[in-house]
Amino acid sequence: MNPKQWLALTLVIFGTGCGGSGPPSGDTTKAQPAVAQKAAERRETVFDPWVGTIDRAKGVQTTVDAEAAEQRRKIEEATR
């Protein structure tokens, strides 16, 4: 096998290993519609600290934008 085939095979193996279904529901004869099923509980991931940092940064940006708009309004008012 050449390196491209090995790479493709490796990617397929990793891709199939990463994709999985949720835990079995127990009774597979009664399939519920997707709307009626409860949302899966959110599990903690390694990205949670970064997501929190991004959320805080977005909050700071909102504050800065609001203060900048207020400052622009004051400048416009003073120049009239």
N, C-alpha and C. Protein backbone atom coordinates (compact mmCIF):
# COMPACT_ATOMS: atom_id res chain seq x y z
N MET A 1 0.84 -1.18 0.00
CA MET A 1 0.00 0.00 0.00
C MET A 1 0.88 1.24 0.00
N ASN A 2 0.46 2.23 -0.74
CA ASN A 2 1.23 3.47 -0.74
C ASN A 2 0.75 4.36 0.40
N PRO A 3 1.49 5.42 0.71
CA PRO A 3 1.14 6.27 1.86
C PRO A 3 -0.25 6.91 1.75
N LYS A 4 -0.70 7.22 0.56
CA LYS A 4 -2.02 7.83 0.42
C LYS A 4 -3.12 6.85 0.83
N GLN A 5 -2.95 5.59 0.48
CA GLN A 5 -3.94 4.59 0.87
C GLN A 5 -3.94 4.37 2.37
N TRP A 6 -2.76 4.37 2.98
CA TRP A 6 -2.68 4.23 4.44
C TRP A 6 -3.36 5.41 5.13
N LEU A 7 -3.11 6.59 4.62
CA LEU A 7 -3.72 7.79 5.19
C LEU A 7 -5.24 7.72 5.08
N ALA A 8 -5.74 7.35 3.91
CA ALA A 8 -7.18 7.26 3.72
C ALA A 8 -7.78 6.20 4.64
N LEU A 9 -7.14 5.07 4.77
CA LEU A 9 -7.63 4.01 5.64
C LEU A 9 -7.62 4.46 7.10
N THR A 10 -6.58 5.14 7.51
CA THR A 10 -6.48 5.64 8.88
C THR A 10 -7.59 6.65 9.17
N LEU A 11 -7.84 7.55 8.24
CA LEU A 11 -8.90 8.54 8.42
C LEU A 11 -10.27 7.88 8.50
N VAL A 12 -10.49 6.86 7.70
CA VAL A 12 -11.78 6.16 7.75
C VAL A 12 -11.94 5.47 9.09
N ILE A 13 -10.89 4.84 9.57
CA ILE A 13 -10.97 4.14 10.86
C ILE A 13 -11.24 5.13 11.99
N PHE A 14 -10.53 6.24 12.01
CA PHE A 14 -10.76 7.23 13.06
C PHE A 14 -12.14 7.87 12.93
N GLY A 15 -12.57 8.09 11.70
CA GLY A 15 -13.89 8.69 11.48
C GLY A 15 -15.01 7.79 11.97
N THR A 16 -14.89 6.51 11.73
CA THR A 16 -15.93 5.60 12.19
C THR A 16 -15.86 5.41 13.70
N GLY A 17 -14.70 5.53 14.28
CA GLY A 17 -14.57 5.41 15.72
C GLY A 17 -15.13 6.61 16.45
N CYS A 18 -15.07 7.77 15.84
CA CYS A 18 -15.56 8.99 16.49
C CYS A 18 -17.07 9.12 16.40
N GLY A 19 -17.66 8.62 15.35
CA GLY A 19 -19.11 8.72 15.21
C GLY A 19 -19.77 7.61 15.97
N GLY A 20 -20.70 7.95 16.82
CA GLY A 20 -21.38 6.92 17.58
C GLY A 20 -22.78 7.35 17.89
N SER A 21 -23.56 6.41 18.31
CA SER A 21 -24.93 6.74 18.69
C SER A 21 -25.00 6.83 20.20
N GLY A 22 -26.10 7.37 20.67
CA GLY A 22 -26.29 7.48 22.10
C GLY A 22 -26.56 6.11 22.70
N PRO A 23 -26.73 6.07 24.00
CA PRO A 23 -27.00 4.79 24.65
C PRO A 23 -28.34 4.24 24.18
N PRO A 24 -28.49 2.93 24.14
CA PRO A 24 -29.75 2.36 23.68
C PRO A 24 -30.89 2.76 24.61
N SER A 25 -32.06 2.97 24.03
CA SER A 25 -33.21 3.44 24.81
C SER A 25 -33.88 2.32 25.59
N GLY A 26 -33.48 1.08 25.37
CA GLY A 26 -34.07 -0.03 26.10
C GLY A 26 -35.11 -0.74 25.26
N ASP A 27 -36.23 -0.13 25.01
CA ASP A 27 -37.29 -0.74 24.22
C ASP A 27 -37.25 -0.16 22.82
N THR A 28 -36.72 -0.93 21.88
CA THR A 28 -36.57 -0.41 20.52
C THR A 28 -37.83 -0.59 19.69
N THR A 29 -38.84 -1.30 20.22
CA THR A 29 -40.07 -1.49 19.45
C THR A 29 -40.94 -0.24 19.46
N LYS A 30 -40.81 0.59 20.46
CA LYS A 30 -41.60 1.82 20.55
C LYS A 30 -40.70 3.00 20.19
N ALA A 31 -40.63 3.32 18.94
CA ALA A 31 -39.81 4.45 18.50
C ALA A 31 -40.60 5.73 18.70
N GLN A 32 -40.04 6.65 19.44
CA GLN A 32 -40.70 7.93 19.69
C GLN A 32 -40.25 8.92 18.63
N PRO A 33 -41.13 9.85 18.27
CA PRO A 33 -40.71 10.89 17.33
C PRO A 33 -39.61 11.75 17.95
N ALA A 34 -38.82 12.35 17.10
CA ALA A 34 -37.69 13.14 17.57
C ALA A 34 -38.14 14.30 18.43
N VAL A 35 -39.31 14.85 18.19
CA VAL A 35 -39.80 16.00 18.95
C VAL A 35 -40.13 15.58 20.38
N ALA A 36 -40.62 14.37 20.56
CA ALA A 36 -41.06 13.93 21.88
C ALA A 36 -39.89 13.50 22.76
N GLN A 37 -38.73 13.24 22.19
CA GLN A 37 -37.60 12.80 22.99
C GLN A 37 -37.00 13.96 23.75
N LYS A 38 -36.55 13.67 24.97
CA LYS A 38 -35.90 14.70 25.77
C LYS A 38 -34.52 15.01 25.20
N ALA A 39 -34.10 16.23 25.37
CA ALA A 39 -32.76 16.61 24.94
C ALA A 39 -31.74 15.93 25.83
N ALA A 40 -30.63 15.55 25.24
CA ALA A 40 -29.57 14.89 26.00
C ALA A 40 -28.98 15.87 27.00
N GLU A 41 -28.62 15.35 28.16
CA GLU A 41 -28.01 16.21 29.17
C GLU A 41 -26.65 16.66 28.68
N ARG A 42 -26.31 17.88 29.02
CA ARG A 42 -25.03 18.44 28.60
C ARG A 42 -23.94 17.92 29.53
N ARG A 43 -22.90 17.37 28.92
CA ARG A 43 -21.78 16.86 29.69
C ARG A 43 -20.63 17.87 29.63
N GLU A 44 -19.85 17.90 30.67
CA GLU A 44 -18.70 18.79 30.72
C GLU A 44 -17.64 18.28 29.75
N THR A 45 -17.03 19.20 29.03
CA THR A 45 -15.99 18.84 28.08
C THR A 45 -14.71 19.61 28.41
N VAL A 46 -13.65 19.27 27.71
CA VAL A 46 -12.38 19.97 27.94
C VAL A 46 -12.43 21.39 27.40
N PHE A 47 -13.43 21.71 26.57
CA PHE A 47 -13.53 23.03 25.98
C PHE A 47 -14.32 24.01 26.84
N ASP A 48 -14.93 23.55 27.92
CA ASP A 48 -15.76 24.41 28.76
C ASP A 48 -15.03 25.65 29.28
N PRO A 49 -13.78 25.55 29.75
CA PRO A 49 -13.11 26.79 30.19
C PRO A 49 -12.94 27.80 29.06
N TRP A 50 -12.68 27.31 27.86
CA TRP A 50 -12.51 28.22 26.72
C TRP A 50 -13.84 28.84 26.33
N VAL A 51 -14.90 28.05 26.38
CA VAL A 51 -16.22 28.57 26.04
C VAL A 51 -16.61 29.65 27.04
N GLY A 52 -16.31 29.41 28.32
CA GLY A 52 -16.60 30.42 29.34
C GLY A 52 -15.82 31.70 29.08
N THR A 53 -14.57 31.56 28.66
CA THR A 53 -13.75 32.72 28.36
C THR A 53 -14.33 33.48 27.17
N ILE A 54 -14.78 32.77 26.18
CA ILE A 54 -15.38 33.42 25.01
C ILE A 54 -16.66 34.16 25.41
N ASP A 55 -17.47 33.53 26.26
CA ASP A 55 -18.70 34.18 26.71
C ASP A 55 -18.39 35.45 27.50
N ARG A 56 -17.37 35.41 28.35
CA ARG A 56 -16.99 36.62 29.10
C ARG A 56 -16.49 37.69 28.14
N ALA A 57 -15.71 37.30 27.14
CA ALA A 57 -15.19 38.27 26.18
C ALA A 57 -16.32 38.91 25.40
N LYS A 58 -17.34 38.13 25.05
CA LYS A 58 -18.49 38.70 24.34
C LYS A 58 -19.24 39.69 25.23
N GLY A 59 -19.32 39.38 26.53
CA GLY A 59 -19.95 40.30 27.46
C GLY A 59 -19.19 41.60 27.57
N VAL A 60 -17.87 41.50 27.63
CA VAL A 60 -17.03 42.70 27.69
C VAL A 60 -17.18 43.51 26.41
N GLN A 61 -17.21 42.83 25.26
CA GLN A 61 -17.36 43.53 23.99
C GLN A 61 -18.69 44.26 23.93
N THR A 62 -19.75 43.66 24.44
CA THR A 62 -21.05 44.31 24.48
C THR A 62 -20.99 45.58 25.33
N THR A 63 -20.32 45.49 26.47
CA THR A 63 -20.18 46.65 27.35
C THR A 63 -19.39 47.75 26.66
N VAL A 64 -18.29 47.38 26.01
CA VAL A 64 -17.45 48.37 25.32
C VAL A 64 -18.23 49.02 24.19
N ASP A 65 -18.99 48.22 23.44
CA ASP A 65 -19.79 48.78 22.34
C ASP A 65 -20.85 49.75 22.87
N ALA A 66 -21.48 49.40 23.98
CA ALA A 66 -22.50 50.29 24.55
C ALA A 66 -21.87 51.60 25.03
N GLU A 67 -20.71 51.51 25.66
CA GLU A 67 -20.04 52.73 26.13
C GLU A 67 -19.55 53.57 24.96
N ALA A 68 -19.08 52.93 23.91
CA ALA A 68 -18.63 53.67 22.73
C ALA A 68 -19.81 54.39 22.07
N ALA A 69 -20.96 53.73 22.00
CA ALA A 69 -22.14 54.36 21.42
C ALA A 69 -22.58 55.55 22.27
N GLU A 70 -22.51 55.40 23.58
CA GLU A 70 -22.85 56.50 24.47
C GLU A 70 -21.89 57.67 24.29
N GLN A 71 -20.61 57.37 24.17
CA GLN A 71 -19.60 58.41 23.96
C GLN A 71 -19.83 59.12 22.63
N ARG A 72 -20.13 58.36 21.56
CA ARG A 72 -20.42 58.99 20.27
C ARG A 72 -21.65 59.89 20.35
N ARG A 73 -22.66 59.44 21.10
CA ARG A 73 -23.86 60.25 21.26
C ARG A 73 -23.54 61.56 21.97
N LYS A 74 -22.69 61.48 23.01
CA LYS A 74 -22.31 62.69 23.74
C LYS A 74 -21.51 63.63 22.86
N ILE A 75 -20.62 63.10 22.05
CA ILE A 75 -19.82 63.93 21.14
C ILE A 75 -20.72 64.59 20.12
N GLU A 76 -21.65 63.84 19.53
CA GLU A 76 -22.58 64.42 18.57
C GLU A 76 -23.41 65.52 19.21
N GLU A 77 -23.84 65.30 20.43
CA GLU A 77 -24.66 66.28 21.15
C GLU A 77 -23.84 67.54 21.44
N ALA A 78 -22.56 67.37 21.78
CA ALA A 78 -21.71 68.52 22.10
C ALA A 78 -21.36 69.34 20.86
N THR A 79 -21.29 68.70 19.70
CA THR A 79 -20.91 69.44 18.48
C THR A 79 -22.08 70.19 17.88
N ARG A 80 -23.28 69.97 18.34
CA ARG A 80 -24.45 70.68 17.79
C ARG A 80 -24.61 72.02 18.39
